[in-house]
Amino acid sequence: MRIAIPVNNNCMDSNVCSSYSHAPYFFLYDLKTAMHQFLLNQFDETVKRADITATQILADQQVHVLITKHCARHTASLVNDADIRVYRAKYDTISENIDAFEKDELEIMTELRPDLYQSAEQ
């Protein structure tokens, strides 16, 4: 099972980024092998829908679980359509959230933010 966490830096002591789709990096972790890597999020600042690009990156990496602080409704729908379950980050660091996931302490995200991009376009 592969886990993705949006992070601010490409180092193990990085904090979880407050934005899923605009995070500079994704931390990828394989529960079976304990192998990990940092993947550059190649979103384009000029594109309104960075959530589509971010979700495609995770789907291409065969991610099964996304641990994030926040998720908009439409983004959660995209991620779920890619067969990726969304969990709410409980802690600030990568390792704390991985440990919490392994201990079944993280909750599936049910409280979602409104889709901010829609209100800006209306």
PDB file of N, CA and C in Angstrom:
ATOM      1  N   MET A   1       0.852  -1.176   0.000  1.00  0.00           N
ATOM      2  CA  MET A   1       0.000   0.000   0.000  1.00  0.00           C
ATOM      3  C   MET A   1       0.893   1.232   0.000  1.00  0.00           C
ATOM      4  N   ARG A   2       0.601   2.154  -0.911  1.00  0.00           N
ATOM      5  CA  ARG A   2       1.392   3.380  -1.018  1.00  0.00           C
ATOM      6  C   ARG A   2       0.621   4.560  -0.439  1.00  0.00           C
ATOM      7  N   ILE A   3       1.323   5.342   0.350  1.00  0.00           N
ATOM      8  CA  ILE A   3       0.767   6.516   1.016  1.00  0.00           C
ATOM      9  C   ILE A   3       1.437   7.756   0.440  1.00  0.00           C
ATOM     10  N   ALA A   4       0.655   8.824   0.268  1.00  0.00           N
ATOM     11  CA  ALA A   4       1.200  10.116  -0.153  1.00  0.00           C
ATOM     12  C   ALA A   4       0.826  11.170   0.883  1.00  0.00           C
ATOM     13  N   ILE A   5       1.792  12.054   1.151  1.00  0.00           N
ATOM     14  CA  ILE A   5       1.560  13.183   2.048  1.00  0.00           C
ATOM     15  C   ILE A   5       2.116  14.428   1.359  1.00  0.00           C
ATOM     16  N   PRO A   6       1.312  15.473   1.187  1.00  0.00           N
ATOM     17  CA  PRO A   6       1.843  16.719   0.630  1.00  0.00           C
ATOM     18  C   PRO A   6       2.726  17.401   1.673  1.00  0.00           C
ATOM     19  N   VAL A   7       3.951  17.756   1.282  1.00  0.00           N
ATOM     20  CA  VAL A   7       4.901  18.322   2.240  1.00  0.00           C
ATOM     21  C   VAL A   7       5.556  19.586   1.686  1.00  0.00           C
ATOM     22  N   ASN A   8       6.128  20.361   2.603  1.00  0.00           N
ATOM     23  CA  ASN A   8       6.752  21.634   2.238  1.00  0.00           C
ATOM     24  C   ASN A   8       8.174  21.486   1.701  1.00  0.00           C
ATOM     25  N   ASN A   9       8.893  20.474   2.166  1.00  0.00           N
ATOM     26  CA  ASN A   9      10.297  20.297   1.790  1.00  0.00           C
ATOM     27  C   ASN A   9      10.576  18.831   1.468  1.00  0.00           C
ATOM     28  N   ASN A  10      11.676  18.590   0.764  1.00  0.00           N
ATOM     29  CA  ASN A  10      12.025  17.206   0.425  1.00  0.00           C
ATOM     30  C   ASN A  10      13.020  16.637   1.423  1.00  0.00           C
ATOM     31  N   CYS A  11      12.595  16.623   2.690  1.00  0.00           N
ATOM     32  CA  CYS A  11      13.408  16.047   3.762  1.00  0.00           C
ATOM     33  C   CYS A  11      12.475  15.437   4.815  1.00  0.00           C
ATOM     34  N   MET A  12      12.996  14.483   5.539  1.00  0.00           N
ATOM     35  CA  MET A  12      12.172  13.730   6.491  1.00  0.00           C
ATOM     36  C   MET A  12      11.600  14.566   7.629  1.00  0.00           C
ATOM     37  N   ASP A  13      12.218  15.684   7.946  1.00  0.00           N
ATOM     38  CA  ASP A  13      11.679  16.501   9.030  1.00  0.00           C
ATOM     39  C   ASP A  13      10.734  17.590   8.519  1.00  0.00           C
ATOM     40  N   SER A  14      10.315  17.474   7.272  1.00  0.00           N
ATOM     41  CA  SER A  14       9.381  18.435   6.690  1.00  0.00           C
ATOM     42  C   SER A  14       8.018  18.340   7.351  1.00  0.00           C
ATOM     43  N   ASN A  15       7.327  19.457   7.386  1.00  0.00           N
ATOM     44  CA  ASN A  15       5.947  19.480   7.865  1.00  0.00           C
ATOM     45  C   ASN A  15       4.993  19.177   6.720  1.00  0.00           C
ATOM     46  N   VAL A  16       3.811  18.723   7.080  1.00  0.00           N
ATOM     47  CA  VAL A  16       2.755  18.506   6.111  1.00  0.00           C
ATOM     48  C   VAL A  16       2.325  19.873   5.589  1.00  0.00           C
ATOM     49  N   CYS A  17       2.201  19.985   4.281  1.00  0.00           N
ATOM     50  CA  CYS A  17       1.792  21.249   3.658  1.00  0.00           C
ATOM     51  C   CYS A  17       0.297  21.460   3.885  1.00  0.00           C
ATOM     52  N   SER A  18      -0.104  22.697   4.078  1.00  0.00           N
ATOM     53  CA  SER A  18      -1.519  22.988   4.310  1.00  0.00           C
ATOM     54  C   SER A  18      -2.349  22.874   3.035  1.00  0.00           C
ATOM     55  N   SER A  19      -1.701  22.832   1.879  1.00  0.00           N
ATOM     56  CA  SER A  19      -2.413  22.693   0.610  1.00  0.00           C
ATOM     57  C   SER A  19      -2.014  21.396  -0.071  1.00  0.00           C
ATOM     58  N   TYR A  20      -2.998  20.585  -0.408  1.00  0.00           N
ATOM     59  CA  TYR A  20      -2.716  19.327  -1.110  1.00  0.00           C
ATOM     60  C   TYR A  20      -2.210  19.600  -2.520  1.00  0.00           C
ATOM     61  N   SER A  21      -2.974  20.304  -3.307  1.00  0.00           N
ATOM     62  CA  SER A  21      -2.648  20.440  -4.726  1.00  0.00           C
ATOM     63  C   SER A  21      -1.504  21.409  -5.012  1.00  0.00           C
ATOM     64  N   HIS A  22      -1.205  22.311  -4.095  1.00  0.00           N
ATOM     65  CA  HIS A  22      -0.115  23.264  -4.299  1.00  0.00           C
ATOM     66  C   HIS A  22       1.111  22.970  -3.435  1.00  0.00           C
ATOM     67  N   ALA A  23       1.161  21.794  -2.853  1.00  0.00           N
ATOM     68  CA  ALA A  23       2.334  21.414  -2.059  1.00  0.00           C
ATOM     69  C   ALA A  23       3.553  21.324  -2.975  1.00  0.00           C
ATOM     70  N   PRO A  24       4.697  21.773  -2.525  1.00  0.00           N
ATOM     71  CA  PRO A  24       5.902  21.681  -3.359  1.00  0.00           C
ATOM     72  C   PRO A  24       6.324  20.242  -3.656  1.00  0.00           C
ATOM     73  N   TYR A  25       6.070  19.330  -2.696  1.00  0.00           N
ATOM     74  CA  TYR A  25       6.489  17.933  -2.847  1.00  0.00           C
ATOM     75  C   TYR A  25       5.416  16.997  -2.305  1.00  0.00           C
ATOM     76  N   PHE A  26       5.472  15.767  -2.768  1.00  0.00           N
ATOM     77  CA  PHE A  26       4.703  14.683  -2.167  1.00  0.00           C
ATOM     78  C   PHE A  26       5.691  13.695  -1.584  1.00  0.00           C
ATOM     79  N   PHE A  27       5.470  13.313  -0.336  1.00  0.00           N
ATOM     80  CA  PHE A  27       6.231  12.246   0.288  1.00  0.00           C
ATOM     81  C   PHE A  27       5.472  10.965  -0.022  1.00  0.00           C
ATOM     82  N   LEU A  28       6.137  10.007  -0.658  1.00  0.00           N
ATOM     83  CA  LEU A  28       5.529   8.722  -0.983  1.00  0.00           C
ATOM     84  C   LEU A  28       6.163   7.650  -0.118  1.00  0.00           C
ATOM     85  N   TYR A  29       5.323   6.820   0.467  1.00  0.00           N
ATOM     86  CA  TYR A  29       5.799   5.787   1.386  1.00  0.00           C
ATOM     87  C   TYR A  29       5.090   4.481   1.080  1.00  0.00           C
ATOM     88  N   ASP A  30       5.848   3.416   0.952  1.00  0.00           N
ATOM     89  CA  ASP A  30       5.295   2.090   0.704  1.00  0.00           C
ATOM     90  C   ASP A  30       5.281   1.325   2.021  1.00  0.00           C
ATOM     91  N   LEU A  31       4.087   0.986   2.487  1.00  0.00           N
ATOM     92  CA  LEU A  31       3.952   0.289   3.769  1.00  0.00           C
ATOM     93  C   LEU A  31       4.601  -1.090   3.764  1.00  0.00           C
ATOM     94  N   LYS A  32       4.577  -1.795   2.638  1.00  0.00           N
ATOM     95  CA  LYS A  32       5.147  -3.144   2.586  1.00  0.00           C
ATOM     96  C   LYS A  32       6.664  -3.139   2.664  1.00  0.00           C
ATOM     97  N   THR A  33       7.288  -2.233   1.944  1.00  0.00           N
ATOM     98  CA  THR A  33       8.749  -2.243   1.839  1.00  0.00           C
ATOM     99  C   THR A  33       9.433  -1.199   2.712  1.00  0.00           C
ATOM    100  N   ALA A  34       8.661  -0.238   3.241  1.00  0.00           N
ATOM    101  CA  ALA A  34       9.185   0.900   4.007  1.00  0.00           C
ATOM    102  C   ALA A  34      10.062   1.815   3.152  1.00  0.00           C
ATOM    103  N   MET A  35      10.001   1.655   1.841  1.00  0.00           N
ATOM    104  CA  MET A  35      10.745   2.545   0.943  1.00  0.00           C
ATOM    105  C   MET A  35       9.983   3.865   0.836  1.00  0.00           C
ATOM    106  N   HIS A  36      10.744   4.946   0.706  1.00  0.00           N
ATOM    107  CA  HIS A  36      10.096   6.246   0.557  1.00  0.00           C
ATOM    108  C   HIS A  36      10.841   7.093  -0.470  1.00  0.00           C
ATOM    109  N   GLN A  37      10.153   8.112  -0.952  1.00  0.00           N
ATOM    110  CA  GLN A  37      10.760   9.059  -1.881  1.00  0.00           C
ATOM    111  C   GLN A  37       9.997  10.373  -1.813  1.00  0.00           C
ATOM    112  N   PHE A  38      10.639  11.410  -2.276  1.00  0.00           N
ATOM    113  CA  PHE A  38      10.005  12.717  -2.398  1.00  0.00           C
ATOM    114  C   PHE A  38       9.818  12.982  -3.882  1.00  0.00           C
ATOM    115  N   LEU A  39       8.619  13.380  -4.232  1.00  0.00           N
ATOM    116  CA  LEU A  39       8.290  13.621  -5.621  1.00  0.00           C
ATOM    117  C   LEU A  39       7.906  15.083  -5.791  1.00  0.00           C
ATOM    118  N   LEU A  40       8.526  15.742  -6.731  1.00  0.00           N
ATOM    119  CA  LEU A  40       8.220  17.136  -7.012  1.00  0.00           C
ATOM    120  C   LEU A  40       6.807  17.237  -7.565  1.00  0.00           C
ATOM    121  N   ASN A  41       6.012  18.139  -7.003  1.00  0.00           N
ATOM    122  CA  ASN A  41       4.671  18.410  -7.514  1.00  0.00           C
ATOM    123  C   ASN A  41       4.832  19.417  -8.643  1.00  0.00           C
ATOM    124  N   GLN A  42       4.566  18.996  -9.851  1.00  0.00           N
ATOM    125  CA  GLN A  42       4.835  19.827 -11.018  1.00  0.00           C
ATOM    126  C   GLN A  42       3.613  20.638 -11.453  1.00  0.00           C
ATOM    127  N   PHE A  43       2.880  21.172 -10.489  1.00  0.00           N
ATOM    128  CA  PHE A  43       1.726  21.993 -10.842  1.00  0.00           C
ATOM    129  C   PHE A  43       2.202  23.310 -11.426  1.00  0.00           C
ATOM    130  N   ASP A  44       1.347  23.914 -12.199  1.00  0.00           N
ATOM    131  CA  ASP A  44       1.637  25.192 -12.831  1.00  0.00           C
ATOM    132  C   ASP A  44       0.827  26.266 -12.108  1.00  0.00           C
ATOM    133  N   GLU A  45       1.494  27.296 -11.585  1.00  0.00           N
ATOM    134  CA  GLU A  45       0.821  28.358 -10.836  1.00  0.00           C
ATOM    135  C   GLU A  45      -0.266  29.055 -11.656  1.00  0.00           C
ATOM    136  N   THR A  46      -0.158  29.006 -12.970  1.00  0.00           N
ATOM    137  CA  THR A  46      -1.126  29.706 -13.810  1.00  0.00           C
ATOM    138  C   THR A  46      -2.392  28.886 -14.039  1.00  0.00           C
ATOM    139  N   VAL A  47      -2.354  27.615 -13.694  1.00  0.00           N
ATOM    140  CA  VAL A  47      -3.506  26.742 -13.903  1.00  0.00           C
ATOM    141  C   VAL A  47      -4.392  26.779 -12.665  1.00  0.00           C
ATOM    142  N   LYS A  48      -5.680  27.017 -12.862  1.00  0.00           N
ATOM    143  CA  LYS A  48      -6.605  27.099 -11.732  1.00  0.00           C
ATOM    144  C   LYS A  48      -6.816  25.748 -11.063  1.00  0.00           C
ATOM    145  N   ARG A  49      -6.778  24.679 -11.813  1.00  0.00           N
ATOM    146  CA  ARG A  49      -7.136  23.372 -11.294  1.00  0.00           C
ATOM    147  C   ARG A  49      -5.910  22.506 -11.032  1.00  0.00           C
ATOM    148  N   ALA A  50      -5.064  22.937 -10.130  1.00  0.00           N
ATOM    149  CA  ALA A  50      -3.877  22.159  -9.767  1.00  0.00           C
ATOM    150  C   ALA A  50      -4.256  20.829  -9.128  1.00  0.00           C
ATOM    151  N   ASP A  51      -5.489  20.731  -8.604  1.00  0.00           N
ATOM    152  CA  ASP A  51      -5.922  19.472  -7.989  1.00  0.00           C
ATOM    153  C   ASP A  51      -5.972  18.335  -9.003  1.00  0.00           C
ATOM    154  N   ILE A  52      -6.272  18.636 -10.254  1.00  0.00           N
ATOM    155  CA  ILE A  52      -6.302  17.608 -11.287  1.00  0.00           C
ATOM    156  C   ILE A  52      -4.892  17.079 -11.528  1.00  0.00           C
ATOM    157  N   THR A  53      -3.914  17.991 -11.657  1.00  0.00           N
ATOM    158  CA  THR A  53      -2.525  17.593 -11.874  1.00  0.00           C
ATOM    159  C   THR A  53      -2.002  16.790 -10.691  1.00  0.00           C
ATOM    160  N   ALA A  54      -2.251  17.263  -9.479  1.00  0.00           N
ATOM    161  CA  ALA A  54      -1.767  16.570  -8.282  1.00  0.00           C
ATOM    162  C   ALA A  54      -2.371  15.173  -8.175  1.00  0.00           C
ATOM    163  N   THR A  55      -3.650  15.056  -8.451  1.00  0.00           N
ATOM    164  CA  THR A  55      -4.305  13.752  -8.369  1.00  0.00           C
ATOM    165  C   THR A  55      -3.764  12.804  -9.434  1.00  0.00           C
ATOM    166  N   GLN A  56      -3.484  13.315 -10.620  1.00  0.00           N
ATOM    167  CA  GLN A  56      -2.918  12.472 -11.673  1.00  0.00           C
ATOM    168  C   GLN A  56      -1.522  11.982 -11.283  1.00  0.00           C
ATOM    169  N   ILE A  57      -0.729  12.846 -10.646  1.00  0.00           N
ATOM    170  CA  ILE A  57       0.603  12.446 -10.168  1.00  0.00           C
ATOM    171  C   ILE A  57       0.474  11.268  -9.206  1.00  0.00           C
ATOM    172  N   LEU A  58      -0.445  11.378  -8.258  1.00  0.00           N
ATOM    173  CA  LEU A  58      -0.620  10.306  -7.264  1.00  0.00           C
ATOM    174  C   LEU A  58      -1.159   9.032  -7.898  1.00  0.00           C
ATOM    175  N   ALA A  59      -2.099   9.167  -8.821  1.00  0.00           N
ATOM    176  CA  ALA A  59      -2.639   7.993  -9.503  1.00  0.00           C
ATOM    177  C   ALA A  59      -1.545   7.291 -10.305  1.00  0.00           C
ATOM    178  N   ASP A  60      -0.693   8.063 -10.978  1.00  0.00           N
ATOM    179  CA  ASP A  60       0.410   7.487 -11.746  1.00  0.00           C
ATOM    180  C   ASP A  60       1.398   6.743 -10.853  1.00  0.00           C
ATOM    181  N   GLN A  61       1.517   7.172  -9.612  1.00  0.00           N
ATOM    182  CA  GLN A  61       2.415   6.535  -8.647  1.00  0.00           C
ATOM    183  C   GLN A  61       1.736   5.390  -7.889  1.00  0.00           C
ATOM    184  N   GLN A  62       0.519   5.063  -8.264  1.00  0.00           N
ATOM    185  CA  GLN A  62      -0.261   3.980  -7.656  1.00  0.00           C
ATOM    186  C   GLN A  62      -0.433   4.167  -6.143  1.00  0.00           C
ATOM    187  N   VAL A  63      -0.761   5.392  -5.763  1.00  0.00           N
ATOM    188  CA  VAL A  63      -1.012   5.728  -4.362  1.00  0.00           C
ATOM    189  C   VAL A  63      -2.408   5.244  -3.980  1.00  0.00           C
ATOM    190  N   HIS A  64      -2.540   4.713  -2.777  1.00  0.00           N
ATOM    191  CA  HIS A  64      -3.813   4.211  -2.264  1.00  0.00           C
ATOM    192  C   HIS A  64      -4.404   5.113  -1.189  1.00  0.00           C
ATOM    193  N   VAL A  65      -3.524   5.863  -0.503  1.00  0.00           N
ATOM    194  CA  VAL A  65      -3.946   6.688   0.627  1.00  0.00           C
ATOM    195  C   VAL A  65      -3.291   8.057   0.528  1.00  0.00           C
ATOM    196  N   LEU A  66      -4.087   9.091   0.736  1.00  0.00           N
ATOM    197  CA  LEU A  66      -3.586  10.465   0.826  1.00  0.00           C
ATOM    198  C   LEU A  66      -3.838  10.951   2.243  1.00  0.00           C
ATOM    199  N   ILE A  67      -2.785  11.426   2.894  1.00  0.00           N
ATOM    200  CA  ILE A  67      -2.909  12.022   4.226  1.00  0.00           C
ATOM    201  C   ILE A  67      -2.655  13.508   4.051  1.00  0.00           C
ATOM    202  N   THR A  68      -3.657  14.321   4.354  1.00  0.00           N
ATOM    203  CA  THR A  68      -3.558  15.758   4.115  1.00  0.00           C
ATOM    204  C   THR A  68      -4.291  16.533   5.204  1.00  0.00           C
ATOM    205  N   LYS A  69      -3.967  17.813   5.325  1.00  0.00           N
ATOM    206  CA  LYS A  69      -4.613  18.652   6.338  1.00  0.00           C
ATOM    207  C   LYS A  69      -5.986  19.128   5.887  1.00  0.00           C
ATOM    208  N   HIS A  70      -6.094  19.499   4.606  1.00  0.00           N
ATOM    209  CA  HIS A  70      -7.338  20.059   4.082  1.00  0.00           C
ATOM    210  C   HIS A  70      -7.616  19.487   2.702  1.00  0.00           C
ATOM    211  N   CYS A  71      -8.896  19.481   2.352  1.00  0.00           N
ATOM    212  CA  CYS A  71      -9.273  19.009   1.024  1.00  0.00           C
ATOM    213  C   CYS A  71     -10.621  19.626   0.660  1.00  0.00           C
ATOM    214  N   ALA A  72     -10.689  20.245  -0.512  1.00  0.00           N
ATOM    215  CA  ALA A  72     -11.950  20.795  -0.988  1.00  0.00           C
ATOM    216  C   ALA A  72     -12.844  19.670  -1.481  1.00  0.00           C
ATOM    217  N   ARG A  73     -14.137  19.938  -1.540  1.00  0.00           N
ATOM    218  CA  ARG A  73     -15.097  18.903  -1.949  1.00  0.00           C
ATOM    219  C   ARG A  73     -14.781  18.331  -3.326  1.00  0.00           C
ATOM    220  N   HIS A  74     -14.569  19.198  -4.300  1.00  0.00           N
ATOM    221  CA  HIS A  74     -14.312  18.718  -5.654  1.00  0.00           C
ATOM    222  C   HIS A  74     -13.005  17.930  -5.718  1.00  0.00           C
ATOM    223  N   THR A  75     -11.999  18.395  -5.017  1.00  0.00           N
ATOM    224  CA  THR A  75     -10.717  17.694  -4.984  1.00  0.00           C
ATOM    225  C   THR A  75     -10.888  16.302  -4.382  1.00  0.00           C
ATOM    226  N   ALA A  76     -11.631  16.213  -3.303  1.00  0.00           N
ATOM    227  CA  ALA A  76     -11.874  14.913  -2.674  1.00  0.00           C
ATOM    228  C   ALA A  76     -12.585  13.973  -3.643  1.00  0.00           C
ATOM    229  N   SER A  77     -13.487  14.513  -4.429  1.00  0.00           N
ATOM    230  CA  SER A  77     -14.179  13.710  -5.421  1.00  0.00           C
ATOM    231  C   SER A  77     -13.201  13.177  -6.469  1.00  0.00           C
ATOM    232  N   LEU A  78     -12.292  14.025  -6.940  1.00  0.00           N
ATOM    233  CA  LEU A  78     -11.275  13.598  -7.904  1.00  0.00           C
ATOM    234  C   LEU A  78     -10.395  12.497  -7.315  1.00  0.00           C
ATOM    235  N   VAL A  79      -9.947  12.708  -6.103  1.00  0.00           N
ATOM    236  CA  VAL A  79      -9.057  11.748  -5.445  1.00  0.00           C
ATOM    237  C   VAL A  79      -9.783  10.426  -5.222  1.00  0.00           C
ATOM    238  N   ASN A  80     -11.013  10.495  -4.762  1.00  0.00           N
ATOM    239  CA  ASN A  80     -11.794   9.263  -4.552  1.00  0.00           C
ATOM    240  C   ASN A  80     -12.047   8.540  -5.864  1.00  0.00           C
ATOM    241  N   ASP A  81     -12.294   9.283  -6.933  1.00  0.00           N
ATOM    242  CA  ASP A  81     -12.490   8.662  -8.254  1.00  0.00           C
ATOM    243  C   ASP A  81     -11.235   7.923  -8.717  1.00  0.00           C
ATOM    244  N   ALA A  82     -10.072   8.342  -8.224  1.00  0.00           N
ATOM    245  CA  ALA A  82      -8.809   7.675  -8.547  1.00  0.00           C
ATOM    246  C   ALA A  82      -8.526   6.510  -7.590  1.00  0.00           C
ATOM    247  N   ASP A  83      -9.517   6.124  -6.800  1.00  0.00           N
ATOM    248  CA  ASP A  83      -9.400   5.033  -5.812  1.00  0.00           C
ATOM    249  C   ASP A  83      -8.336   5.315  -4.760  1.00  0.00           C
ATOM    250  N   ILE A  84      -8.266   6.569  -4.345  1.00  0.00           N
ATOM    251  CA  ILE A  84      -7.347   6.982  -3.279  1.00  0.00           C
ATOM    252  C   ILE A  84      -8.206   7.448  -2.110  1.00  0.00           C
ATOM    253  N   ARG A  85      -7.988   6.862  -0.937  1.00  0.00           N
ATOM    254  CA  ARG A  85      -8.723   7.266   0.262  1.00  0.00           C
ATOM    255  C   ARG A  85      -8.032   8.463   0.904  1.00  0.00           C
ATOM    256  N   VAL A  86      -8.823   9.414   1.371  1.00  0.00           N
ATOM    257  CA  VAL A  86      -8.292  10.639   1.955  1.00  0.00           C
ATOM    258  C   VAL A  86      -8.437  10.589   3.478  1.00  0.00           C
ATOM    259  N   TYR A  87      -7.306  10.736   4.161  1.00  0.00           N
ATOM    260  CA  TYR A  87      -7.282  10.778   5.622  1.00  0.00           C
ATOM    261  C   TYR A  87      -6.808  12.147   6.092  1.00  0.00           C
ATOM    262  N   ARG A  88      -7.343  12.589   7.210  1.00  0.00           N
ATOM    263  CA  ARG A  88      -6.949  13.873   7.783  1.00  0.00           C
ATOM    264  C   ARG A  88      -5.645  13.716   8.566  1.00  0.00           C
ATOM    265  N   ALA A  89      -4.658  14.551   8.228  1.00  0.00           N
ATOM    266  CA  ALA A  89      -3.401  14.569   8.978  1.00  0.00           C
ATOM    267  C   ALA A  89      -3.702  15.021  10.409  1.00  0.00           C
ATOM    268  N   LYS A  90      -3.202  14.279  11.340  1.00  0.00           N
ATOM    269  CA  LYS A  90      -3.428  14.578  12.764  1.00  0.00           C
ATOM    270  C   LYS A  90      -2.254  15.356  13.350  1.00  0.00           C
ATOM    271  N   TYR A  91      -1.103  15.216  12.720  1.00  0.00           N
ATOM    272  CA  TYR A  91       0.121  15.822  13.241  1.00  0.00           C
ATOM    273  C   TYR A  91       0.794  16.670  12.161  1.00  0.00           C
ATOM    274  N   ASP A  92       1.827  17.382  12.551  1.00  0.00           N
ATOM    275  CA  ASP A  92       2.533  18.264  11.626  1.00  0.00           C
ATOM    276  C   ASP A  92       3.609  17.561  10.813  1.00  0.00           C
ATOM    277  N   THR A  93       4.169  16.469  11.331  1.00  0.00           N
ATOM    278  CA  THR A  93       5.317  15.859  10.662  1.00  0.00           C
ATOM    279  C   THR A  93       4.943  14.597   9.889  1.00  0.00           C
ATOM    280  N   ILE A  94       5.802  14.260   8.950  1.00  0.00           N
ATOM    281  CA  ILE A  94       5.635  13.058   8.140  1.00  0.00           C
ATOM    282  C   ILE A  94       5.591  11.818   9.024  1.00  0.00           C
ATOM    283  N   SER A  95       6.618  11.641   9.842  1.00  0.00           N
ATOM    284  CA  SER A  95       6.741  10.404  10.628  1.00  0.00           C
ATOM    285  C   SER A  95       5.589  10.222  11.610  1.00  0.00           C
ATOM    286  N   GLU A  96       5.146  11.295  12.233  1.00  0.00           N
ATOM    287  CA  GLU A  96       4.025  11.175  13.172  1.00  0.00           C
ATOM    288  C   GLU A  96       2.752  10.713  12.465  1.00  0.00           C
ATOM    289  N   ASN A  97       2.521  11.224  11.276  1.00  0.00           N
ATOM    290  CA  ASN A  97       1.322  10.833  10.537  1.00  0.00           C
ATOM    291  C   ASN A  97       1.409   9.412   9.998  1.00  0.00           C
ATOM    292  N   ILE A  98       2.590   9.000   9.548  1.00  0.00           N
ATOM    293  CA  ILE A  98       2.771   7.612   9.110  1.00  0.00           C
ATOM    294  C   ILE A  98       2.537   6.668  10.287  1.00  0.00           C
ATOM    295  N   ASP A  99       3.125   6.983  11.437  1.00  0.00           N
ATOM    296  CA  ASP A  99       2.927   6.156  12.637  1.00  0.00           C
ATOM    297  C   ASP A  99       1.448   6.091  13.019  1.00  0.00           C
ATOM    298  N   ALA A 100       0.775   7.236  12.983  1.00  0.00           N
ATOM    299  CA  ALA A 100      -0.642   7.275  13.335  1.00  0.00           C
ATOM    300  C   ALA A 100      -1.476   6.455  12.353  1.00  0.00           C
ATOM    301  N   PHE A 101      -1.131   6.510  11.060  1.00  0.00           N
ATOM    302  CA  PHE A 101      -1.858   5.706  10.075  1.00  0.00           C
ATOM    303  C   PHE A 101      -1.662   4.218  10.347  1.00  0.00           C
ATOM    304  N   GLU A 102      -0.428   3.818  10.620  1.00  0.00           N
ATOM    305  CA  GLU A 102      -0.133   2.408  10.885  1.00  0.00           C
ATOM    306  C   GLU A 102      -0.844   1.907  12.142  1.00  0.00           C
ATOM    307  N   LYS A 103      -1.099   2.796  13.090  1.00  0.00           N
ATOM    308  CA  LYS A 103      -1.802   2.429  14.322  1.00  0.00           C
ATOM    309  C   LYS A 103      -3.314   2.625  14.194  1.00  0.00           C
ATOM    310  N   ASP A 104      -3.777   2.960  12.982  1.00  0.00           N
ATOM    311  CA  ASP A 104      -5.198   3.174  12.701  1.00  0.00           C
ATOM    312  C   ASP A 104      -5.775   4.321  13.533  1.00  0.00           C
ATOM    313  N   GLU A 105      -4.987   5.379  13.714  1.00  0.00           N
ATOM    314  CA  GLU A 105      -5.412   6.526  14.511  1.00  0.00           C
ATOM    315  C   GLU A 105      -5.894   7.705  13.666  1.00  0.00           C
ATOM    316  N   LEU A 106      -5.741   7.627  12.342  1.00  0.00           N
ATOM    317  CA  LEU A 106      -6.189   8.722  11.481  1.00  0.00           C
ATOM    318  C   LEU A 106      -7.607   8.450  11.008  1.00  0.00           C
ATOM    319  N   GLU A 107      -8.361   9.529  10.840  1.00  0.00           N
ATOM    320  CA  GLU A 107      -9.748   9.406  10.407  1.00  0.00           C
ATOM    321  C   GLU A 107      -9.868   9.715   8.923  1.00  0.00           C
ATOM    322  N   ILE A 108     -10.776   8.999   8.269  1.00  0.00           N
ATOM    323  CA  ILE A 108     -11.095   9.332   6.883  1.00  0.00           C
ATOM    324  C   ILE A 108     -11.719  10.717   6.889  1.00  0.00           C
ATOM    325  N   MET A 109     -11.290  11.554   5.958  1.00  0.00           N
ATOM    326  CA  MET A 109     -11.741  12.937   5.923  1.00  0.00           C
ATOM    327  C   MET A 109     -13.186  12.996   5.441  1.00  0.00           C
ATOM    328  N   THR A 110     -14.048  13.529   6.290  1.00  0.00           N
ATOM    329  CA  THR A 110     -15.452  13.692   5.928  1.00  0.00           C
ATOM    330  C   THR A 110     -15.852  15.163   5.921  1.00  0.00           C
ATOM    331  N   GLU A 111     -15.166  15.978   6.681  1.00  0.00           N
ATOM    332  CA  GLU A 111     -15.459  17.407   6.729  1.00  0.00           C
ATOM    333  C   GLU A 111     -14.582  18.095   5.693  1.00  0.00           C
ATOM    334  N   LEU A 112     -15.210  18.534   4.618  1.00  0.00           N
ATOM    335  CA  LEU A 112     -14.470  19.096   3.491  1.00  0.00           C
ATOM    336  C   LEU A 112     -14.722  20.589   3.366  1.00  0.00           C
ATOM    337  N   ARG A 113     -13.707  21.296   2.877  1.00  0.00           N
ATOM    338  CA  ARG A 113     -13.833  22.728   2.645  1.00  0.00           C
ATOM    339  C   ARG A 113     -14.686  22.977   1.405  1.00  0.00           C
ATOM    340  N   PRO A 114     -15.333  24.133   1.345  1.00  0.00           N
ATOM    341  CA  PRO A 114     -16.030  24.492   0.102  1.00  0.00           C
ATOM    342  C   PRO A 114     -15.025  24.607  -1.031  1.00  0.00           C
ATOM    343  N   ASP A 115     -15.511  24.484  -2.246  1.00  0.00           N
ATOM    344  CA  ASP A 115     -14.657  24.617  -3.422  1.00  0.00           C
ATOM    345  C   ASP A 115     -14.400  26.095  -3.670  1.00  0.00           C
ATOM    346  N   LEU A 116     -13.239  26.561  -3.250  1.00  0.00           N
ATOM    347  CA  LEU A 116     -12.929  27.984  -3.326  1.00  0.00           C
ATOM    348  C   LEU A 116     -12.858  28.489  -4.754  1.00  0.00           C
ATOM    349  N   TYR A 117     -12.369  27.677  -5.677  1.00  0.00           N
ATOM    350  CA  TYR A 117     -12.220  28.139  -7.051  1.00  0.00           C
ATOM    351  C   TYR A 117     -13.575  28.428  -7.692  1.00  0.00           C
ATOM    352  N   GLN A 118     -14.631  27.722  -7.281  1.00  0.00           N
ATOM    353  CA  GLN A 118     -15.947  27.938  -7.876  1.00  0.00           C
ATOM    354  C   GLN A 118     -16.494  29.306  -7.499  1.00  0.00           C
ATOM    355  N   SER A 119     -16.342  29.703  -6.235  1.00  0.00           N
ATOM    356  CA  SER A 119     -16.862  30.996  -5.823  1.00  0.00           C
ATOM    357  C   SER A 119     -16.083  32.133  -6.479  1.00  0.00           C
ATOM    358  N   ALA A 120     -14.821  31.923  -6.792  1.00  0.00           N
ATOM    359  CA  ALA A 120     -14.018  32.965  -7.455  1.00  0.00           C
ATOM    360  C   ALA A 120     -14.428  33.131  -8.911  1.00  0.00           C
ATOM    361  N   GLU A 121     -14.942  32.057  -9.533  1.00  0.00           N
ATOM    362  CA  GLU A 121     -15.307  32.121 -10.937  1.00  0.00           C
ATOM    363  C   GLU A 121     -16.721  32.639 -11.130  1.00  0.00           C
ATOM    364  N   GLN A 122     -17.536  32.620 -10.093  1.00  0.00           N
ATOM    365  CA  GLN A 122     -18.948  33.026 -10.239  1.00  0.00           C
ATOM    366  C   GLN A 122     -19.114  34.508 -10.149  1.00  0.00           C
TER     367      GLN A 122
END
